[in-house]
């Protein structure tokens, strides 16, 4: 089964599974013998996809693919979450990440720029608008580019600085962790991580 037809079939199989689990399809791609299905929680939710959900989607989708003999060659099924820094390929990806910091590489220069670093402030079915971070002299500059002219784009996760032990910010974080039942040790921290099940 070739390219677009395979992807369409996989999407039709996985979307009902995700709907039952309260998840959404973020992306689906088949390359180099790997069928990669990226799933996410609905926009606006604080928590991400957990490992148990990824394992369940892998099992259910794998069963559907095998039952229908959808992929006629040897392949690896990879079900994953988008992670903190997300690849932006489709108009839906760009619309979903409005308000996030992004790094965009263009196929050709626009006004002498091939890379755009800034905040994604708008997106349509055909364009993305980035408010640039690097023009302190003239104030914020917004650049609108056709999505078709974007070679590669991703969100950029900005890590907040860790407060020094004993500082007011550290004591506040310690109190909040204790209130949530988390560790109260000043050096304890929870780092978000991308999870995947193969």
N, C-alpha and C. Protein backbone atom coordinates (compact mmCIF):
# COMPACT_ATOMS: atom_id res chain seq x y z
N UNK A 1 0.86 -1.19 0.00
CA UNK A 1 0.00 0.00 0.00
C UNK A 1 0.89 1.23 0.00
N UNK A 2 0.67 2.20 -0.85
CA UNK A 2 1.58 3.32 -1.04
C UNK A 2 1.22 4.50 -0.16
N UNK A 3 2.30 5.31 0.08
CA UNK A 3 2.30 6.54 0.84
C UNK A 3 1.02 7.07 1.44
N UNK A 4 0.35 7.96 0.70
CA UNK A 4 -0.82 8.66 1.24
C UNK A 4 -1.94 7.69 1.58
N UNK A 5 -2.12 6.65 0.78
CA UNK A 5 -3.18 5.68 1.04
C UNK A 5 -2.94 4.96 2.35
N UNK A 6 -1.69 4.57 2.61
CA UNK A 6 -1.35 3.91 3.87
C UNK A 6 -1.61 4.83 5.05
N UNK A 7 -1.15 6.06 4.96
CA UNK A 7 -1.34 7.01 6.05
C UNK A 7 -2.83 7.23 6.31
N UNK A 8 -3.61 7.40 5.26
CA UNK A 8 -5.06 7.60 5.42
C UNK A 8 -5.69 6.41 6.14
N UNK A 9 -5.26 5.20 5.78
CA UNK A 9 -5.81 4.00 6.40
C UNK A 9 -5.43 3.94 7.88
N UNK A 10 -4.17 4.22 8.18
CA UNK A 10 -3.71 4.20 9.58
C UNK A 10 -4.47 5.23 10.40
N UNK A 11 -4.65 6.43 9.84
CA UNK A 11 -5.39 7.48 10.54
C UNK A 11 -6.82 7.03 10.83
N UNK A 12 -7.46 6.39 9.86
CA UNK A 12 -8.84 5.94 10.06
C UNK A 12 -8.93 4.85 11.13
N UNK A 13 -7.86 4.08 11.31
CA UNK A 13 -7.84 3.04 12.33
C UNK A 13 -7.52 3.58 13.72
N UNK A 14 -6.59 4.55 13.78
CA UNK A 14 -6.13 5.00 15.09
C UNK A 14 -7.04 6.05 15.71
N UNK A 15 -7.71 6.86 14.90
CA UNK A 15 -8.52 7.95 15.49
C UNK A 15 -9.62 7.46 16.42
N UNK A 16 -10.39 6.38 16.08
CA UNK A 16 -11.39 5.90 17.04
C UNK A 16 -10.77 5.38 18.35
N UNK A 17 -9.59 4.75 18.23
CA UNK A 17 -8.88 4.26 19.43
C UNK A 17 -8.53 5.43 20.33
N UNK A 18 -7.98 6.50 19.73
CA UNK A 18 -7.58 7.68 20.50
C UNK A 18 -8.79 8.38 21.11
N UNK A 19 -9.88 8.46 20.36
CA UNK A 19 -11.10 9.12 20.87
C UNK A 19 -11.60 8.41 22.13
N UNK A 20 -11.54 7.06 22.14
CA UNK A 20 -11.98 6.29 23.32
C UNK A 20 -11.09 6.57 24.53
N UNK A 21 -9.82 6.91 24.29
CA UNK A 21 -8.87 7.15 25.37
C UNK A 21 -8.74 8.64 25.73
N UNK A 22 -9.51 9.49 25.03
CA UNK A 22 -9.41 10.93 25.30
C UNK A 22 -8.12 11.55 24.79
N UNK A 23 -7.56 10.97 23.73
CA UNK A 23 -6.32 11.48 23.15
C UNK A 23 -6.58 11.98 21.74
N UNK A 24 -5.57 12.63 21.14
CA UNK A 24 -5.67 13.14 19.78
C UNK A 24 -4.46 12.70 18.96
N UNK A 25 -4.67 12.55 17.66
CA UNK A 25 -3.57 12.27 16.75
C UNK A 25 -2.82 13.55 16.45
N UNK A 26 -1.51 13.56 16.71
CA UNK A 26 -0.69 14.74 16.43
C UNK A 26 -0.03 14.62 15.06
N UNK A 27 0.45 13.42 14.72
CA UNK A 27 1.11 13.24 13.43
C UNK A 27 1.18 11.75 13.11
N UNK A 28 1.33 11.46 11.83
CA UNK A 28 1.47 10.07 11.37
C UNK A 28 2.39 10.09 10.16
N UNK A 29 3.41 9.24 10.19
CA UNK A 29 4.39 9.26 9.10
C UNK A 29 4.94 7.84 8.90
N UNK A 30 5.25 7.51 7.66
CA UNK A 30 5.85 6.21 7.35
C UNK A 30 7.09 6.46 6.52
N UNK A 31 8.25 6.10 7.08
CA UNK A 31 9.52 6.32 6.37
C UNK A 31 10.53 5.30 6.86
N UNK A 32 11.32 4.77 5.93
CA UNK A 32 12.39 3.85 6.28
C UNK A 32 11.92 2.61 7.01
N UNK A 33 10.70 2.14 6.73
CA UNK A 33 10.19 0.95 7.38
C UNK A 33 9.63 1.18 8.77
N UNK A 34 9.55 2.44 9.20
CA UNK A 34 9.00 2.77 10.52
C UNK A 34 7.70 3.54 10.35
N UNK A 35 6.64 3.01 10.92
CA UNK A 35 5.35 3.70 10.96
C UNK A 35 5.29 4.42 12.30
N UNK A 36 5.43 5.74 12.26
CA UNK A 36 5.47 6.53 13.49
C UNK A 36 4.15 7.25 13.68
N UNK A 37 3.49 6.95 14.79
CA UNK A 37 2.21 7.56 15.14
C UNK A 37 2.42 8.38 16.40
N UNK A 38 2.22 9.68 16.30
CA UNK A 38 2.45 10.59 17.43
C UNK A 38 1.11 11.02 17.99
N UNK A 39 0.90 10.80 19.28
CA UNK A 39 -0.38 11.12 19.92
C UNK A 39 -0.16 12.11 21.05
N UNK A 40 -1.23 12.86 21.36
CA UNK A 40 -1.12 13.90 22.37
C UNK A 40 -2.44 14.01 23.12
N UNK A 41 -2.40 14.71 24.25
CA UNK A 41 -3.63 15.05 24.95
C UNK A 41 -4.26 16.25 24.25
N UNK A 42 -5.56 16.49 24.44
CA UNK A 42 -6.19 17.65 23.79
C UNK A 42 -5.54 18.96 24.22
N UNK A 43 -5.58 19.95 23.34
CA UNK A 43 -5.01 21.26 23.61
C UNK A 43 -5.61 21.82 24.89
N UNK A 44 -4.75 22.40 25.73
CA UNK A 44 -5.22 23.03 26.97
C UNK A 44 -5.07 22.16 28.20
N UNK A 45 -4.78 20.87 28.01
CA UNK A 45 -4.59 20.00 29.18
C UNK A 45 -3.17 20.14 29.71
N UNK A 46 -3.04 20.15 31.04
CA UNK A 46 -1.72 20.28 31.65
C UNK A 46 -0.89 19.02 31.52
N UNK A 47 -1.53 17.85 31.66
CA UNK A 47 -0.75 16.61 31.63
C UNK A 47 -0.57 16.12 30.20
N UNK A 48 0.50 15.38 30.00
CA UNK A 48 0.76 14.81 28.69
C UNK A 48 0.33 13.35 28.64
N UNK A 49 0.74 12.68 27.59
CA UNK A 49 0.43 11.27 27.41
C UNK A 49 1.38 10.46 28.29
N UNK A 50 0.84 9.45 28.99
CA UNK A 50 1.71 8.63 29.83
C UNK A 50 2.09 7.33 29.12
N UNK A 51 3.03 6.62 29.71
CA UNK A 51 3.58 5.40 29.10
C UNK A 51 2.52 4.32 28.95
N UNK A 52 1.62 4.21 29.92
CA UNK A 52 0.55 3.19 29.84
C UNK A 52 -0.36 3.46 28.64
N UNK A 53 -0.69 4.73 28.40
CA UNK A 53 -1.54 5.08 27.26
C UNK A 53 -0.83 4.76 25.94
N UNK A 54 0.46 5.06 25.87
CA UNK A 54 1.22 4.76 24.65
C UNK A 54 1.27 3.26 24.39
N UNK A 55 1.48 2.49 25.46
CA UNK A 55 1.53 1.03 25.31
C UNK A 55 0.18 0.48 24.85
N UNK A 56 -0.91 1.05 25.40
CA UNK A 56 -2.24 0.58 25.02
C UNK A 56 -2.55 0.90 23.56
N UNK A 57 -2.22 2.13 23.14
CA UNK A 57 -2.45 2.50 21.73
C UNK A 57 -1.61 1.60 20.82
N UNK A 58 -0.36 1.32 21.20
CA UNK A 58 0.50 0.45 20.41
C UNK A 58 -0.14 -0.92 20.24
N UNK A 59 -0.65 -1.47 21.34
CA UNK A 59 -1.25 -2.81 21.30
C UNK A 59 -2.53 -2.83 20.44
N UNK A 60 -3.41 -1.86 20.66
CA UNK A 60 -4.68 -1.83 19.94
C UNK A 60 -4.49 -1.55 18.45
N UNK A 61 -3.62 -0.58 18.14
CA UNK A 61 -3.38 -0.24 16.74
C UNK A 61 -2.65 -1.39 16.03
N UNK A 62 -1.67 -1.99 16.71
CA UNK A 62 -0.94 -3.10 16.13
C UNK A 62 -1.87 -4.25 15.76
N UNK A 63 -2.84 -4.51 16.63
CA UNK A 63 -3.81 -5.58 16.36
C UNK A 63 -4.64 -5.25 15.11
N UNK A 64 -5.06 -3.97 15.00
CA UNK A 64 -5.85 -3.56 13.82
C UNK A 64 -5.03 -3.65 12.54
N UNK A 65 -3.77 -3.23 12.61
CA UNK A 65 -2.91 -3.28 11.43
C UNK A 65 -2.67 -4.72 10.98
N UNK A 66 -2.43 -5.61 11.95
CA UNK A 66 -2.19 -7.01 11.61
C UNK A 66 -3.45 -7.68 11.07
N UNK A 67 -4.57 -7.37 11.69
CA UNK A 67 -5.84 -7.98 11.28
C UNK A 67 -6.19 -7.61 9.83
N UNK A 68 -5.97 -6.36 9.47
CA UNK A 68 -6.29 -5.89 8.12
C UNK A 68 -5.17 -6.04 7.12
N UNK A 69 -3.99 -6.56 7.60
CA UNK A 69 -2.82 -6.69 6.75
C UNK A 69 -2.56 -5.38 6.00
N UNK A 70 -2.57 -4.28 6.78
CA UNK A 70 -2.50 -2.93 6.21
C UNK A 70 -1.13 -2.64 5.61
N UNK A 71 -0.07 -3.00 6.33
CA UNK A 71 1.29 -2.75 5.84
C UNK A 71 1.81 -4.06 5.27
N UNK A 72 2.11 -4.06 3.98
CA UNK A 72 2.46 -5.32 3.29
C UNK A 72 3.95 -5.62 3.29
N UNK A 73 4.75 -4.81 3.98
CA UNK A 73 6.18 -5.06 4.08
C UNK A 73 6.57 -5.12 5.55
N UNK A 74 7.80 -5.53 5.81
CA UNK A 74 8.27 -5.51 7.20
C UNK A 74 8.31 -4.07 7.69
N UNK A 75 7.86 -3.85 8.92
CA UNK A 75 7.83 -2.48 9.44
C UNK A 75 7.90 -2.51 10.95
N UNK A 76 8.23 -1.37 11.52
CA UNK A 76 8.23 -1.17 12.96
C UNK A 76 7.18 -0.12 13.29
N UNK A 77 6.30 -0.44 14.24
CA UNK A 77 5.30 0.51 14.69
C UNK A 77 5.86 1.25 15.90
N UNK A 78 5.88 2.57 15.82
CA UNK A 78 6.36 3.41 16.92
C UNK A 78 5.26 4.38 17.30
N UNK A 79 4.75 4.24 18.51
CA UNK A 79 3.74 5.16 19.03
C UNK A 79 4.43 6.02 20.09
N UNK A 80 4.35 7.32 19.93
CA UNK A 80 5.12 8.22 20.78
C UNK A 80 4.33 9.48 21.09
N UNK A 81 4.82 10.25 22.05
CA UNK A 81 4.25 11.58 22.33
C UNK A 81 5.10 12.61 21.61
N UNK A 82 4.57 13.82 21.39
CA UNK A 82 5.36 14.83 20.66
C UNK A 82 6.57 15.33 21.43
N UNK A 83 6.58 15.20 22.74
CA UNK A 83 7.69 15.71 23.53
C UNK A 83 7.57 17.21 23.77
N UNK A 84 8.58 17.77 24.41
CA UNK A 84 8.55 19.19 24.77
C UNK A 84 8.81 20.08 23.56
N UNK A 85 9.74 19.66 22.70
CA UNK A 85 10.04 20.43 21.50
C UNK A 85 9.45 19.67 20.31
N UNK A 86 8.42 20.26 19.71
CA UNK A 86 7.61 19.55 18.74
C UNK A 86 7.93 19.98 17.31
N UNK A 87 7.99 19.02 16.42
CA UNK A 87 8.14 19.31 15.00
C UNK A 87 6.82 19.84 14.46
N UNK A 88 6.89 20.92 13.70
CA UNK A 88 5.70 21.54 13.10
C UNK A 88 5.76 21.30 11.59
N UNK A 89 4.81 20.52 11.08
CA UNK A 89 4.79 20.21 9.64
C UNK A 89 3.52 20.67 8.96
N UNK A 90 2.39 20.60 9.66
CA UNK A 90 1.10 20.86 9.04
C UNK A 90 0.49 22.16 9.57
N UNK A 91 -0.46 22.73 8.84
CA UNK A 91 -1.15 23.93 9.37
C UNK A 91 -1.76 23.68 10.75
N UNK A 92 -2.28 22.47 10.98
CA UNK A 92 -2.86 22.16 12.30
C UNK A 92 -1.79 22.23 13.39
N UNK A 93 -0.57 21.77 13.09
CA UNK A 93 0.51 21.86 14.06
C UNK A 93 0.78 23.31 14.43
N UNK A 94 0.87 24.17 13.41
CA UNK A 94 1.17 25.58 13.67
C UNK A 94 0.05 26.24 14.47
N UNK A 95 -1.20 25.97 14.10
CA UNK A 95 -2.32 26.58 14.84
C UNK A 95 -2.34 26.12 16.29
N UNK A 96 -2.01 24.88 16.52
CA UNK A 96 -2.04 24.32 17.87
C UNK A 96 -0.99 24.97 18.77
N UNK A 97 0.13 25.40 18.20
CA UNK A 97 1.25 25.90 19.01
C UNK A 97 1.36 27.43 19.03
N UNK A 98 0.30 28.14 18.64
CA UNK A 98 0.33 29.60 18.72
C UNK A 98 0.62 30.03 20.16
N UNK A 99 1.51 31.00 20.28
CA UNK A 99 1.92 31.47 21.60
C UNK A 99 3.21 30.86 22.09
N UNK A 100 3.71 29.84 21.39
CA UNK A 100 4.95 29.17 21.79
C UNK A 100 6.15 29.78 21.06
N UNK A 101 7.33 29.64 21.67
CA UNK A 101 8.57 30.02 21.00
C UNK A 101 8.89 28.97 19.95
N UNK A 102 9.34 29.43 18.78
CA UNK A 102 9.62 28.51 17.67
C UNK A 102 10.94 28.85 17.00
N UNK A 103 11.50 27.85 16.33
CA UNK A 103 12.67 28.01 15.49
C UNK A 103 12.26 27.52 14.11
N UNK A 104 12.38 28.40 13.10
CA UNK A 104 11.92 28.09 11.75
C UNK A 104 13.08 28.24 10.77
N UNK A 105 13.27 27.22 9.93
CA UNK A 105 14.27 27.32 8.87
C UNK A 105 13.52 27.34 7.55
N UNK A 106 13.82 28.34 6.71
CA UNK A 106 13.11 28.54 5.44
C UNK A 106 13.88 27.89 4.29
N UNK A 107 13.14 27.56 3.23
CA UNK A 107 13.77 26.99 2.04
C UNK A 107 14.59 28.05 1.30
N UNK A 108 14.09 29.31 1.29
CA UNK A 108 14.80 30.42 0.65
C UNK A 108 14.76 31.63 1.58
N UNK A 109 15.66 32.57 1.36
CA UNK A 109 15.71 33.77 2.20
C UNK A 109 14.46 34.62 2.03
N UNK A 110 14.03 35.23 3.12
CA UNK A 110 12.99 36.26 3.09
C UNK A 110 13.56 37.48 3.80
N UNK A 111 13.70 38.59 3.08
CA UNK A 111 14.32 39.80 3.62
C UNK A 111 15.68 39.51 4.24
N UNK A 112 16.45 38.65 3.57
CA UNK A 112 17.80 38.35 4.05
C UNK A 112 17.85 37.35 5.19
N UNK A 113 16.72 36.80 5.58
CA UNK A 113 16.69 35.85 6.68
C UNK A 113 16.35 34.45 6.16
N UNK A 114 17.07 33.48 6.65
CA UNK A 114 16.74 32.08 6.34
C UNK A 114 16.24 31.38 7.59
N UNK A 115 16.52 31.95 8.76
CA UNK A 115 16.06 31.39 10.03
C UNK A 115 15.25 32.44 10.78
N UNK A 116 14.18 31.97 11.39
CA UNK A 116 13.33 32.84 12.20
C UNK A 116 13.26 32.26 13.60
N UNK A 117 13.65 33.06 14.59
CA UNK A 117 13.54 32.66 15.99
C UNK A 117 12.62 33.65 16.68
N UNK A 118 11.57 33.17 17.28
CA UNK A 118 10.65 34.08 17.94
C UNK A 118 9.41 33.36 18.43
N UNK A 119 8.34 34.10 18.58
CA UNK A 119 7.08 33.57 19.08
C UNK A 119 6.10 33.42 17.93
N UNK A 120 5.49 32.26 17.83
CA UNK A 120 4.47 32.02 16.83
C UNK A 120 3.20 32.75 17.27
N UNK A 121 2.80 33.77 16.53
CA UNK A 121 1.67 34.60 16.98
C UNK A 121 0.40 34.37 16.17
N UNK A 122 0.49 33.74 14.99
CA UNK A 122 -0.70 33.48 14.19
C UNK A 122 -0.39 32.38 13.18
N UNK A 123 -1.45 31.68 12.75
CA UNK A 123 -1.30 30.65 11.72
C UNK A 123 -2.63 30.45 11.02
N UNK A 124 -2.56 30.24 9.71
CA UNK A 124 -3.74 29.95 8.91
C UNK A 124 -3.51 28.61 8.21
N UNK A 125 -4.36 28.29 7.27
CA UNK A 125 -4.18 27.05 6.50
C UNK A 125 -2.95 27.10 5.60
N UNK A 126 -2.42 28.31 5.36
CA UNK A 126 -1.30 28.41 4.42
C UNK A 126 -0.12 29.23 4.92
N UNK A 127 -0.27 29.96 6.04
CA UNK A 127 0.83 30.82 6.50
C UNK A 127 1.05 30.69 8.01
N UNK A 128 2.25 31.10 8.43
CA UNK A 128 2.59 31.19 9.85
C UNK A 128 3.24 32.55 10.09
N UNK A 129 2.91 33.18 11.21
CA UNK A 129 3.47 34.49 11.54
C UNK A 129 4.29 34.38 12.82
N UNK A 130 5.56 34.83 12.73
CA UNK A 130 6.49 34.75 13.85
C UNK A 130 6.89 36.17 14.27
N UNK A 131 6.76 36.45 15.57
CA UNK A 131 7.27 37.71 16.11
C UNK A 131 8.70 37.46 16.52
N UNK A 132 9.63 38.13 15.83
CA UNK A 132 11.05 37.86 16.01
C UNK A 132 11.56 38.36 17.35
N UNK A 133 12.56 37.64 17.89
CA UNK A 133 13.14 37.98 19.19
C UNK A 133 14.39 38.84 19.07
N UNK A 134 14.94 38.94 17.85
CA UNK A 134 16.30 39.48 17.73
C UNK A 134 16.37 40.91 17.20
N UNK A 135 15.32 41.70 17.33
CA UNK A 135 15.37 43.06 16.80
C UNK A 135 15.01 44.07 17.89
N UNK A 136 15.96 44.26 18.82
CA UNK A 136 15.71 45.15 19.96
C UNK A 136 15.71 46.61 19.56
N UNK A 137 16.38 46.95 18.44
CA UNK A 137 16.49 48.35 18.04
C UNK A 137 15.16 48.89 17.54
N UNK A 138 14.54 48.17 16.62
CA UNK A 138 13.29 48.64 16.01
C UNK A 138 12.03 48.13 16.71
N UNK A 139 12.19 47.38 17.78
CA UNK A 139 11.03 46.79 18.44
C UNK A 139 10.64 45.49 17.76
N UNK A 140 9.59 44.84 18.25
CA UNK A 140 9.19 43.55 17.69
C UNK A 140 8.83 43.65 16.21
N UNK A 141 9.29 42.69 15.45
CA UNK A 141 8.99 42.60 14.02
C UNK A 141 8.28 41.27 13.78
N UNK A 142 7.17 41.32 13.05
CA UNK A 142 6.44 40.10 12.72
C UNK A 142 6.66 39.75 11.26
N UNK A 143 6.97 38.48 11.01
CA UNK A 143 7.21 38.00 9.66
C UNK A 143 6.21 36.89 9.37
N UNK A 144 5.47 37.05 8.27
CA UNK A 144 4.52 36.02 7.85
C UNK A 144 5.09 35.29 6.65
N UNK A 145 5.13 33.96 6.75
CA UNK A 145 5.72 33.15 5.67
C UNK A 145 4.74 32.05 5.26
N UNK A 146 4.75 31.68 3.99
CA UNK A 146 3.95 30.53 3.56
C UNK A 146 4.47 29.25 4.21
N UNK A 147 3.59 28.42 4.73
CA UNK A 147 4.02 27.16 5.34
C UNK A 147 4.75 26.30 4.32
N UNK A 148 4.35 26.39 3.05
CA UNK A 148 5.01 25.61 1.99
C UNK A 148 6.48 25.99 1.83
N UNK A 149 6.86 27.22 2.26
CA UNK A 149 8.24 27.67 2.14
C UNK A 149 9.09 27.33 3.36
N UNK A 150 8.50 26.65 4.33
CA UNK A 150 9.23 26.29 5.55
C UNK A 150 9.87 24.92 5.36
N UNK A 151 11.19 24.89 5.51
CA UNK A 151 11.92 23.62 5.37
C UNK A 151 11.80 22.80 6.64
N UNK A 152 11.93 23.46 7.80
CA UNK A 152 11.86 22.76 9.08
C UNK A 152 11.42 23.75 10.15
N UNK A 153 10.56 23.29 11.06
CA UNK A 153 10.13 24.16 12.16
C UNK A 153 9.88 23.31 13.39
N UNK A 154 10.16 23.88 14.54
CA UNK A 154 9.88 23.18 15.80
C UNK A 154 9.65 24.20 16.90
N UNK A 155 8.94 23.76 17.94
CA UNK A 155 8.80 24.61 19.11
C UNK A 155 10.10 24.54 19.91
N UNK A 156 10.33 25.56 20.72
CA UNK A 156 11.53 25.62 21.55
C UNK A 156 11.08 25.70 23.00
N UNK A 157 11.48 24.73 23.80
CA UNK A 157 11.12 24.74 25.22
C UNK A 157 12.16 25.54 25.99
N UNK A 158 11.70 26.52 26.75
CA UNK A 158 12.59 27.37 27.53
C UNK A 158 12.56 26.91 28.98
N UNK A 159 13.69 26.38 29.44
CA UNK A 159 13.78 25.92 30.82
C UNK A 159 13.89 27.11 31.75
N UNK A 160 13.06 27.14 32.79
CA UNK A 160 13.13 28.21 33.78
C UNK A 160 14.35 27.97 34.66
N UNK A 161 15.02 29.04 35.10
CA UNK A 161 16.18 28.86 35.97
C UNK A 161 15.76 28.25 37.30
N UNK A 162 16.61 27.37 37.83
CA UNK A 162 16.34 26.74 39.12
C UNK A 162 16.73 27.70 40.23
N UNK A 163 15.81 28.01 41.17
CA UNK A 163 16.16 28.92 42.25
C UNK A 163 17.22 28.32 43.17
N UNK A 164 18.08 29.17 43.72
CA UNK A 164 19.12 28.71 44.63
C UNK A 164 18.48 28.22 45.92
N UNK A 165 19.05 27.13 46.51
CA UNK A 165 18.51 26.65 47.78
C UNK A 165 18.51 27.76 48.83
N UNK A 166 17.40 27.88 49.56
CA UNK A 166 17.29 28.88 50.61
C UNK A 166 16.72 30.20 50.14
N UNK A 167 16.60 30.41 48.80
CA UNK A 167 16.03 31.66 48.30
C UNK A 167 14.53 31.64 48.49
N UNK A 168 13.86 32.82 48.48
CA UNK A 168 12.40 32.84 48.63
C UNK A 168 11.69 32.00 47.58
N UNK A 169 12.18 32.03 46.32
CA UNK A 169 11.54 31.24 45.26
C UNK A 169 11.67 29.75 45.55
N UNK A 170 12.84 29.34 46.10
CA UNK A 170 13.05 27.93 46.43
C UNK A 170 12.13 27.49 47.54
N UNK A 171 11.95 28.34 48.57
CA UNK A 171 11.06 28.01 49.68
C UNK A 171 9.62 27.90 49.20
N UNK A 172 9.21 28.77 48.25
CA UNK A 172 7.84 28.71 47.71
C UNK A 172 7.64 27.41 46.94
N UNK A 173 8.63 27.03 46.10
CA UNK A 173 8.53 25.79 45.34
C UNK A 173 8.48 24.59 46.27
N UNK A 174 9.28 24.65 47.37
CA UNK A 174 9.31 23.57 48.35
C UNK A 174 7.94 23.42 49.01
N UNK A 175 7.32 24.55 49.37
CA UNK A 175 6.00 24.51 50.00
C UNK A 175 4.96 23.94 49.04
N UNK A 176 5.03 24.33 47.77
CA UNK A 176 4.06 23.84 46.79
C UNK A 176 4.22 22.34 46.58
N UNK A 177 5.50 21.84 46.54
CA UNK A 177 5.71 20.40 46.38
C UNK A 177 5.15 19.65 47.56
N UNK A 178 5.38 20.16 48.76
CA UNK A 178 4.89 19.49 49.96
C UNK A 178 3.37 19.46 49.97
N UNK A 179 2.74 20.56 49.52
CA UNK A 179 1.27 20.62 49.49
C UNK A 179 0.69 19.62 48.51
N UNK A 180 1.46 19.34 47.41
CA UNK A 180 0.99 18.37 46.43
C UNK A 180 1.36 16.95 46.81
N UNK A 181 2.07 16.80 47.92
CA UNK A 181 2.50 15.46 48.34
C UNK A 181 3.80 15.04 47.69
N UNK A 182 4.51 15.99 47.05
CA UNK A 182 5.77 15.67 46.39
C UNK A 182 6.93 15.78 47.36
N UNK A 183 8.13 15.60 46.84
CA UNK A 183 9.32 15.67 47.67
C UNK A 183 9.53 17.09 48.16
N UNK A 184 9.94 17.20 49.42
CA UNK A 184 10.23 18.53 49.96
C UNK A 184 11.73 18.79 50.00
N UNK A 185 12.54 17.87 49.53
CA UNK A 185 13.98 18.06 49.50
C UNK A 185 14.31 19.21 48.55
N UNK A 186 15.15 20.17 48.96
CA UNK A 186 15.41 21.35 48.12
C UNK A 186 16.05 21.02 46.78
N UNK A 187 16.74 19.88 46.68
CA UNK A 187 17.39 19.54 45.41
C UNK A 187 16.55 18.60 44.55
N UNK A 188 15.39 18.18 45.05
CA UNK A 188 14.57 17.27 44.27
C UNK A 188 13.85 18.03 43.17
N UNK A 189 13.74 17.41 42.01
CA UNK A 189 13.02 18.05 40.93
C UNK A 189 12.42 16.98 40.04
N UNK A 190 11.37 17.36 39.33
CA UNK A 190 10.73 16.46 38.39
C UNK A 190 10.94 17.05 37.01
N UNK A 191 11.59 16.31 36.13
CA UNK A 191 11.88 16.78 34.79
C UNK A 191 10.91 16.12 33.82
N UNK A 192 10.14 16.90 33.05
CA UNK A 192 9.27 16.29 32.06
C UNK A 192 10.09 15.58 31.00
N UNK A 193 9.57 14.46 30.49
CA UNK A 193 10.32 13.69 29.51
C UNK A 193 9.41 13.16 28.45
N UNK A 194 9.93 13.01 27.25
CA UNK A 194 9.20 12.37 26.16
C UNK A 194 9.23 10.88 26.40
N UNK A 195 8.10 10.23 26.22
CA UNK A 195 8.03 8.78 26.39
C UNK A 195 7.57 8.15 25.10
N UNK A 196 8.01 6.95 24.85
CA UNK A 196 7.57 6.25 23.65
C UNK A 196 7.48 4.77 23.93
N UNK A 197 6.61 4.12 23.21
CA UNK A 197 6.50 2.67 23.31
C UNK A 197 6.62 2.10 21.90
N UNK A 198 7.45 1.11 21.75
CA UNK A 198 7.65 0.52 20.42
C UNK A 198 7.15 -0.91 20.44
